[in-house]
């Protein structure tokens, strides 16, 4: 069995939080997201933004395909390159 371990995902709540910070700081929401998720920032990642839920779906579809038949017992962490995966 394989496992997909989500990280910073673009959800309604995270988008609303970014919008609130945007309003408080007088910056556009996309600039807030780039700043919050910039590589090297606490919680940042290599792609510089939150991961879209559809990107987890792509991983799930891959795992369900014949192309992933050699993957067993793996933990996949589509986190945009944050490098802070938690392994159990």
Protein backbone atom coordinates (compact mmCIF):
# COMPACT_ATOMS: atom_id res chain seq x y z
CA UNK A 1 0.00 0.00 0.00
CA UNK A 2 1.24 3.47 -0.86
CA UNK A 3 0.40 6.72 0.88
CA UNK A 4 0.04 10.32 -0.33
CA UNK A 5 1.00 12.81 2.38
CA UNK A 6 -0.31 16.32 1.53
CA UNK A 7 1.44 19.47 2.67
CA UNK A 8 0.59 23.13 2.06
CA UNK A 9 -2.53 22.73 -0.08
CA UNK A 10 -4.54 25.51 -1.70
CA UNK A 11 -7.77 25.24 0.26
CA UNK A 12 -10.54 27.77 0.83
CA UNK A 13 -9.21 28.36 4.33
CA UNK A 14 -5.62 29.01 3.22
CA UNK A 15 -6.80 31.30 0.42
CA UNK A 16 -8.97 33.24 2.90
CA UNK A 17 -6.03 33.55 5.31
CA UNK A 18 -3.83 34.91 2.52
CA UNK A 19 -6.58 37.36 1.54
CA UNK A 20 -6.82 38.58 5.14
CA UNK A 21 -3.03 39.06 5.38
CA UNK A 22 -3.16 40.77 2.01
CA UNK A 23 -5.75 43.23 3.28
CA UNK A 24 -3.83 43.89 6.50
CA UNK A 25 -0.51 44.41 4.73
CA UNK A 26 -1.85 46.24 1.68
CA UNK A 27 -0.30 43.73 -0.72
CA UNK A 28 -1.96 41.70 -3.48
CA UNK A 29 -2.87 38.12 -2.42
CA UNK A 30 -0.54 36.57 -5.02
CA UNK A 31 2.39 38.52 -3.57
CA UNK A 32 1.50 37.27 -0.08
CA UNK A 33 1.46 33.69 -1.36
CA UNK A 34 4.81 34.10 -3.15
CA UNK A 35 6.32 35.57 0.01
CA UNK A 36 4.87 32.92 2.34
CA UNK A 37 5.90 30.01 0.14
CA UNK A 38 9.18 31.36 -1.25
CA UNK A 39 12.06 28.92 -1.13
CA UNK A 40 13.97 29.56 2.08
CA UNK A 41 10.98 31.05 3.90
CA UNK A 42 9.59 29.15 6.89
CA UNK A 43 7.02 26.86 5.27
CA UNK A 44 8.34 27.73 1.81
CA UNK A 45 8.95 25.37 -1.08
CA UNK A 46 10.80 25.20 -4.39
CA UNK A 47 7.77 26.08 -6.54
CA UNK A 48 6.96 29.18 -4.46
CA UNK A 49 3.24 28.56 -4.04
CA UNK A 50 0.68 26.31 -2.42
CA UNK A 51 0.07 22.94 -4.05
CA UNK A 52 -3.25 22.74 -5.87
CA UNK A 53 -5.54 19.83 -4.87
CA UNK A 54 -5.58 18.65 -8.49
CA UNK A 55 -1.86 17.95 -8.20
CA UNK A 56 -2.60 15.36 -5.50
CA UNK A 57 -5.13 13.82 -7.88
CA UNK A 58 -2.41 13.41 -10.51
CA UNK A 59 -0.30 11.51 -7.97
CA UNK A 60 -3.27 9.28 -7.07
CA UNK A 61 -4.00 8.54 -10.73
CA UNK A 62 -0.34 7.67 -11.28
CA UNK A 63 -0.35 5.33 -8.29
CA UNK A 64 -3.47 3.61 -9.63
CA UNK A 65 -1.85 3.08 -13.02
CA UNK A 66 0.31 0.23 -14.29
CA UNK A 67 3.21 2.70 -14.46
CA UNK A 68 3.44 2.62 -10.66
CA UNK A 69 3.33 -1.15 -10.29
CA UNK A 70 6.87 -1.25 -8.87
CA UNK A 71 6.01 1.22 -6.09
CA UNK A 72 4.94 -0.57 -2.95
CA UNK A 73 4.88 0.72 0.61
CA UNK A 74 5.94 4.21 -0.44
CA UNK A 75 5.08 7.58 1.07
CA UNK A 76 4.72 10.20 -1.65
CA UNK A 77 4.85 13.81 -0.53
CA UNK A 78 3.77 16.23 -3.29
CA UNK A 79 4.84 19.36 -1.40
CA UNK A 80 6.38 21.53 -4.08
CA UNK A 81 9.89 20.69 -2.94
CA UNK A 82 9.55 21.84 0.66
CA UNK A 83 11.75 19.00 1.85
CA UNK A 84 10.04 18.76 5.22
CA UNK A 85 8.30 15.42 4.82
CA UNK A 86 7.35 13.44 7.89
CA UNK A 87 8.18 9.76 7.64
CA UNK A 88 6.61 7.22 9.99
